[in-house]
Structure formats: structure tokens, C-alpha cells
Amino acid sequence: MAVYVDDMRAQFGRMVMCHMVADSLTELHEMADRIGVARKWYQGPPKTRHPHYDIALSKRALAMTFGAREITMREASAIAKACRAKEEEVNRP
């Protein structure tokens, strides 16, 4: 199990952002807590298709010091999709 940060660079005001995804929601939220990203910034179903955080490059660097792995944006999409499928399976009645 792991947390990942992608190579996307999107301008948001004065910040440059990327995505943070993980193999599980638990890992994703734990890393967000660890690097100081508030849960209110979480983006996932039903608001967005795949669970992730958009994080500033400064938080990306911090996440990497805590073990996040660098990946491509395409890989991030696949990992987030797998995480969503896993969570849906767990929560199925």
C-alpha cells in the first residue's frame, strides 16, 4: 500500500498544484493529515469521479519526504480509479 503524487502542474492562484492519490482512502487521508492538508480539500465521489487531493508543490515535497512516490498523471488516474473500486466493494451491502 502506498501514497502517490503525480507530475501534473496546474496553476491555482499563486500556487502550482498536483494530485495526491493512494491505494486506500485511509492512506490518502493519513498522508493529508501528516502534511497538513485539511480534509475539506478532499475530492472524491460524488463530487468528483476519483478520490484524491489537489496539493501545492510545497505539500508534494513534504509528502515525498514521508514516502509518497512520484508517478505520472495517467498512473494517478488508474490508482485513484482502483481505490474507488476498492472502497465501493468494501461498502457494498
N, C-alpha and C. Protein backbone atom coordinates (compact mmCIF):
# COMPACT_ATOMS: atom_id res chain seq x y z
N MET A 1 0.85 -1.18 0.00
CA MET A 1 0.00 0.00 0.00
C MET A 1 0.89 1.24 0.00
N ALA A 2 0.40 2.29 -0.70
CA ALA A 2 1.25 3.47 -0.84
C ALA A 2 0.43 4.72 -1.16
N VAL A 3 1.13 5.85 -1.07
CA VAL A 3 0.59 7.15 -1.45
C VAL A 3 1.44 7.65 -2.61
N TYR A 4 0.81 8.36 -3.54
CA TYR A 4 1.48 8.80 -4.75
C TYR A 4 1.19 10.27 -5.03
N VAL A 5 2.15 10.97 -5.66
CA VAL A 5 1.96 12.34 -6.14
C VAL A 5 2.32 12.35 -7.62
N ASP A 6 1.50 13.04 -8.41
CA ASP A 6 1.72 12.98 -9.86
C ASP A 6 2.52 14.16 -10.39
N ASP A 7 2.76 14.13 -11.70
CA ASP A 7 3.58 15.14 -12.35
C ASP A 7 2.76 16.28 -12.96
N MET A 8 1.47 16.35 -12.64
CA MET A 8 0.64 17.44 -13.14
C MET A 8 1.10 18.76 -12.53
N ARG A 9 1.01 19.81 -13.30
CA ARG A 9 1.30 21.15 -12.80
C ARG A 9 0.17 22.06 -13.27
N ALA A 10 -0.70 22.46 -12.35
CA ALA A 10 -1.83 23.33 -12.69
C ALA A 10 -1.78 24.58 -11.81
N GLN A 11 -1.87 25.72 -12.43
CA GLN A 11 -1.87 26.98 -11.71
C GLN A 11 -3.19 27.15 -10.99
N PHE A 12 -3.14 27.52 -9.72
CA PHE A 12 -4.33 27.83 -8.93
C PHE A 12 -4.00 29.07 -8.12
N GLY A 13 -4.40 30.22 -8.61
CA GLY A 13 -3.99 31.47 -7.98
C GLY A 13 -2.47 31.60 -8.07
N ARG A 14 -1.83 31.80 -6.93
CA ARG A 14 -0.37 31.90 -6.90
C ARG A 14 0.31 30.55 -6.72
N MET A 15 -0.49 29.50 -6.51
CA MET A 15 0.08 28.18 -6.27
C MET A 15 0.11 27.34 -7.54
N VAL A 16 1.01 26.37 -7.54
CA VAL A 16 1.04 25.35 -8.58
C VAL A 16 0.66 24.05 -7.90
N MET A 17 -0.30 23.34 -8.48
CA MET A 17 -0.89 22.17 -7.83
C MET A 17 -0.58 20.88 -8.59
N CYS A 18 -0.68 19.77 -7.85
CA CYS A 18 -0.61 18.43 -8.43
C CYS A 18 -1.63 17.57 -7.69
N HIS A 19 -1.74 16.30 -8.07
CA HIS A 19 -2.66 15.38 -7.40
C HIS A 19 -1.93 14.48 -6.42
N MET A 20 -2.61 14.14 -5.34
CA MET A 20 -2.14 13.12 -4.41
C MET A 20 -3.21 12.04 -4.36
N VAL A 21 -2.82 10.79 -4.62
CA VAL A 21 -3.74 9.65 -4.61
C VAL A 21 -3.10 8.55 -3.76
N ALA A 22 -3.87 7.50 -3.48
CA ALA A 22 -3.35 6.40 -2.67
C ALA A 22 -4.07 5.11 -3.01
N ASP A 23 -3.52 4.02 -2.51
CA ASP A 23 -4.13 2.71 -2.71
C ASP A 23 -5.41 2.55 -1.90
N SER A 24 -5.56 3.36 -0.82
CA SER A 24 -6.77 3.29 0.00
C SER A 24 -7.11 4.68 0.52
N LEU A 25 -8.37 4.89 0.84
CA LEU A 25 -8.78 6.18 1.41
C LEU A 25 -8.11 6.44 2.74
N THR A 26 -7.93 5.40 3.53
CA THR A 26 -7.27 5.56 4.83
C THR A 26 -5.88 6.13 4.65
N GLU A 27 -5.11 5.55 3.74
CA GLU A 27 -3.75 6.04 3.49
C GLU A 27 -3.76 7.46 2.94
N LEU A 28 -4.70 7.74 2.06
CA LEU A 28 -4.80 9.07 1.47
C LEU A 28 -5.06 10.12 2.55
N HIS A 29 -6.03 9.87 3.42
CA HIS A 29 -6.36 10.83 4.48
C HIS A 29 -5.25 10.92 5.52
N GLU A 30 -4.60 9.81 5.83
CA GLU A 30 -3.50 9.85 6.80
C GLU A 30 -2.35 10.72 6.29
N MET A 31 -2.03 10.59 5.00
CA MET A 31 -0.95 11.43 4.45
C MET A 31 -1.38 12.89 4.43
N ALA A 32 -2.62 13.16 4.07
CA ALA A 32 -3.10 14.54 4.08
C ALA A 32 -2.96 15.14 5.48
N ASP A 33 -3.35 14.38 6.49
CA ASP A 33 -3.21 14.85 7.87
C ASP A 33 -1.74 15.11 8.20
N ARG A 34 -0.90 14.20 7.77
CA ARG A 34 0.53 14.27 8.10
C ARG A 34 1.21 15.50 7.47
N ILE A 35 0.79 15.87 6.27
CA ILE A 35 1.42 17.01 5.59
C ILE A 35 0.65 18.31 5.80
N GLY A 36 -0.42 18.26 6.58
CA GLY A 36 -1.16 19.47 6.93
C GLY A 36 -2.17 19.94 5.90
N VAL A 37 -2.75 19.00 5.17
CA VAL A 37 -3.81 19.35 4.21
C VAL A 37 -5.15 19.00 4.86
N ALA A 38 -6.01 19.99 4.98
CA ALA A 38 -7.30 19.80 5.65
C ALA A 38 -8.21 18.86 4.85
N ARG A 39 -9.00 18.08 5.57
CA ARG A 39 -9.93 17.14 4.93
C ARG A 39 -10.95 17.83 4.03
N LYS A 40 -11.20 19.11 4.28
CA LYS A 40 -12.17 19.82 3.44
C LYS A 40 -11.69 19.92 1.99
N TRP A 41 -10.40 19.69 1.74
CA TRP A 41 -9.85 19.75 0.39
C TRP A 41 -9.92 18.41 -0.33
N TYR A 42 -10.40 17.38 0.35
CA TYR A 42 -10.56 16.07 -0.28
C TYR A 42 -11.55 16.17 -1.42
N GLN A 43 -11.23 15.50 -2.53
CA GLN A 43 -12.13 15.46 -3.68
C GLN A 43 -12.38 14.00 -4.04
N GLY A 44 -13.61 13.60 -3.95
CA GLY A 44 -13.97 12.23 -4.28
C GLY A 44 -15.45 12.13 -4.51
N PRO A 45 -15.92 10.93 -4.82
CA PRO A 45 -17.34 10.72 -5.10
C PRO A 45 -18.21 11.25 -3.95
N PRO A 46 -19.31 11.87 -4.23
CA PRO A 46 -19.91 12.10 -5.55
C PRO A 46 -19.44 13.39 -6.22
N LYS A 47 -18.65 14.19 -5.53
CA LYS A 47 -18.21 15.47 -6.08
C LYS A 47 -17.32 15.29 -7.32
N THR A 48 -16.38 14.39 -7.23
CA THR A 48 -15.51 14.08 -8.37
C THR A 48 -15.50 12.58 -8.57
N ARG A 49 -15.03 12.16 -9.71
CA ARG A 49 -15.06 10.74 -10.06
C ARG A 49 -14.12 9.87 -9.23
N HIS A 50 -12.90 10.37 -8.99
CA HIS A 50 -11.89 9.56 -8.30
C HIS A 50 -11.37 10.26 -7.05
N PRO A 51 -11.11 9.50 -5.99
CA PRO A 51 -10.64 10.09 -4.73
C PRO A 51 -9.21 10.62 -4.84
N HIS A 52 -9.04 11.89 -4.46
CA HIS A 52 -7.72 12.50 -4.49
C HIS A 52 -7.73 13.82 -3.74
N TYR A 53 -6.55 14.36 -3.54
CA TYR A 53 -6.38 15.73 -3.07
C TYR A 53 -5.60 16.47 -4.15
N ASP A 54 -5.94 17.73 -4.40
CA ASP A 54 -5.09 18.63 -5.17
C ASP A 54 -4.21 19.31 -4.13
N ILE A 55 -2.89 19.18 -4.29
CA ILE A 55 -1.99 19.75 -3.29
C ILE A 55 -0.97 20.66 -3.96
N ALA A 56 -0.51 21.66 -3.22
CA ALA A 56 0.53 22.58 -3.69
C ALA A 56 1.86 21.82 -3.78
N LEU A 57 2.76 22.32 -4.62
CA LEU A 57 4.05 21.67 -4.78
C LEU A 57 4.84 21.60 -3.48
N SER A 58 4.64 22.57 -2.58
CA SER A 58 5.32 22.52 -1.29
C SER A 58 4.83 21.33 -0.47
N LYS A 59 3.54 21.03 -0.53
CA LYS A 59 2.99 19.85 0.16
C LYS A 59 3.42 18.57 -0.54
N ARG A 60 3.58 18.63 -1.87
CA ARG A 60 4.07 17.47 -2.64
C ARG A 60 5.46 17.08 -2.14
N ALA A 61 6.32 18.08 -1.98
CA ALA A 61 7.68 17.82 -1.50
C ALA A 61 7.64 17.21 -0.10
N LEU A 62 6.77 17.72 0.75
CA LEU A 62 6.63 17.19 2.10
C LEU A 62 6.12 15.75 2.06
N ALA A 63 5.14 15.48 1.23
CA ALA A 63 4.62 14.12 1.10
C ALA A 63 5.72 13.16 0.66
N MET A 64 6.57 13.62 -0.24
CA MET A 64 7.66 12.76 -0.71
C MET A 64 8.66 12.47 0.41
N THR A 65 8.88 13.42 1.31
CA THR A 65 9.78 13.14 2.43
C THR A 65 9.17 12.09 3.37
N PHE A 66 7.84 11.97 3.35
CA PHE A 66 7.16 10.96 4.16
C PHE A 66 6.87 9.69 3.38
N GLY A 67 7.46 9.55 2.20
CA GLY A 67 7.37 8.29 1.47
C GLY A 67 6.46 8.23 0.27
N ALA A 68 5.81 9.33 -0.10
CA ALA A 68 4.98 9.31 -1.30
C ALA A 68 5.87 9.06 -2.52
N ARG A 69 5.32 8.35 -3.48
CA ARG A 69 6.05 8.00 -4.70
C ARG A 69 5.63 8.90 -5.85
N GLU A 70 6.58 9.28 -6.69
CA GLU A 70 6.29 10.08 -7.88
C GLU A 70 5.74 9.19 -8.99
N ILE A 71 4.67 9.66 -9.63
CA ILE A 71 4.06 8.93 -10.74
C ILE A 71 3.61 9.92 -11.80
N THR A 72 3.16 9.40 -12.94
CA THR A 72 2.60 10.27 -13.97
C THR A 72 1.13 10.55 -13.68
N MET A 73 0.59 11.53 -14.37
CA MET A 73 -0.82 11.86 -14.20
C MET A 73 -1.70 10.70 -14.65
N ARG A 74 -1.29 10.00 -15.69
CA ARG A 74 -2.04 8.85 -16.19
C ARG A 74 -2.05 7.73 -15.13
N GLU A 75 -0.92 7.50 -14.49
CA GLU A 75 -0.85 6.49 -13.44
C GLU A 75 -1.72 6.90 -12.25
N ALA A 76 -1.75 8.19 -11.94
CA ALA A 76 -2.57 8.68 -10.82
C ALA A 76 -4.04 8.39 -11.07
N SER A 77 -4.48 8.57 -12.30
CA SER A 77 -5.87 8.29 -12.64
C SER A 77 -6.21 6.81 -12.43
N ALA A 78 -5.32 5.94 -12.86
CA ALA A 78 -5.55 4.50 -12.70
C ALA A 78 -5.57 4.09 -11.23
N ILE A 79 -4.67 4.66 -10.43
CA ILE A 79 -4.62 4.32 -9.00
C ILE A 79 -5.86 4.83 -8.29
N ALA A 80 -6.28 6.06 -8.60
CA ALA A 80 -7.48 6.62 -7.97
C ALA A 80 -8.72 5.82 -8.35
N LYS A 81 -8.77 5.38 -9.59
CA LYS A 81 -9.90 4.56 -10.05
C LYS A 81 -9.94 3.24 -9.29
N ALA A 82 -8.79 2.61 -9.10
CA ALA A 82 -8.71 1.35 -8.35
C ALA A 82 -9.10 1.55 -6.89
N CYS A 83 -8.69 2.67 -6.31
CA CYS A 83 -9.04 2.98 -4.92
C CYS A 83 -10.55 3.13 -4.79
N ARG A 84 -11.17 3.82 -5.72
CA ARG A 84 -12.63 3.99 -5.68
C ARG A 84 -13.33 2.64 -5.78
N ALA A 85 -12.87 1.80 -6.69
CA ALA A 85 -13.48 0.48 -6.86
C ALA A 85 -13.34 -0.35 -5.59
N LYS A 86 -12.19 -0.26 -4.95
CA LYS A 86 -11.95 -1.00 -3.71
C LYS A 86 -12.89 -0.52 -2.60
N GLU A 87 -13.05 0.81 -2.49
CA GLU A 87 -13.94 1.37 -1.47
C GLU A 87 -15.39 1.00 -1.74
N GLU A 88 -15.80 1.00 -2.99
CA GLU A 88 -17.18 0.63 -3.33
C GLU A 88 -17.43 -0.84 -2.98
N GLU A 89 -16.44 -1.70 -3.20
CA GLU A 89 -16.58 -3.11 -2.88
C GLU A 89 -16.71 -3.32 -1.38
N VAL A 90 -15.91 -2.60 -0.61
CA VAL A 90 -15.94 -2.70 0.85
C VAL A 90 -17.28 -2.24 1.39
N ASN A 91 -17.85 -1.20 0.79
CA ASN A 91 -19.10 -0.60 1.28
C ASN A 91 -20.35 -1.20 0.65
N ARG A 92 -20.18 -2.21 -0.17
CA ARG A 92 -21.33 -2.85 -0.79
C ARG A 92 -22.10 -3.67 0.25
N PRO A 93 -23.45 -3.57 0.27
CA PRO A 93 -24.24 -4.31 1.27
C PRO A 93 -24.21 -5.81 1.06
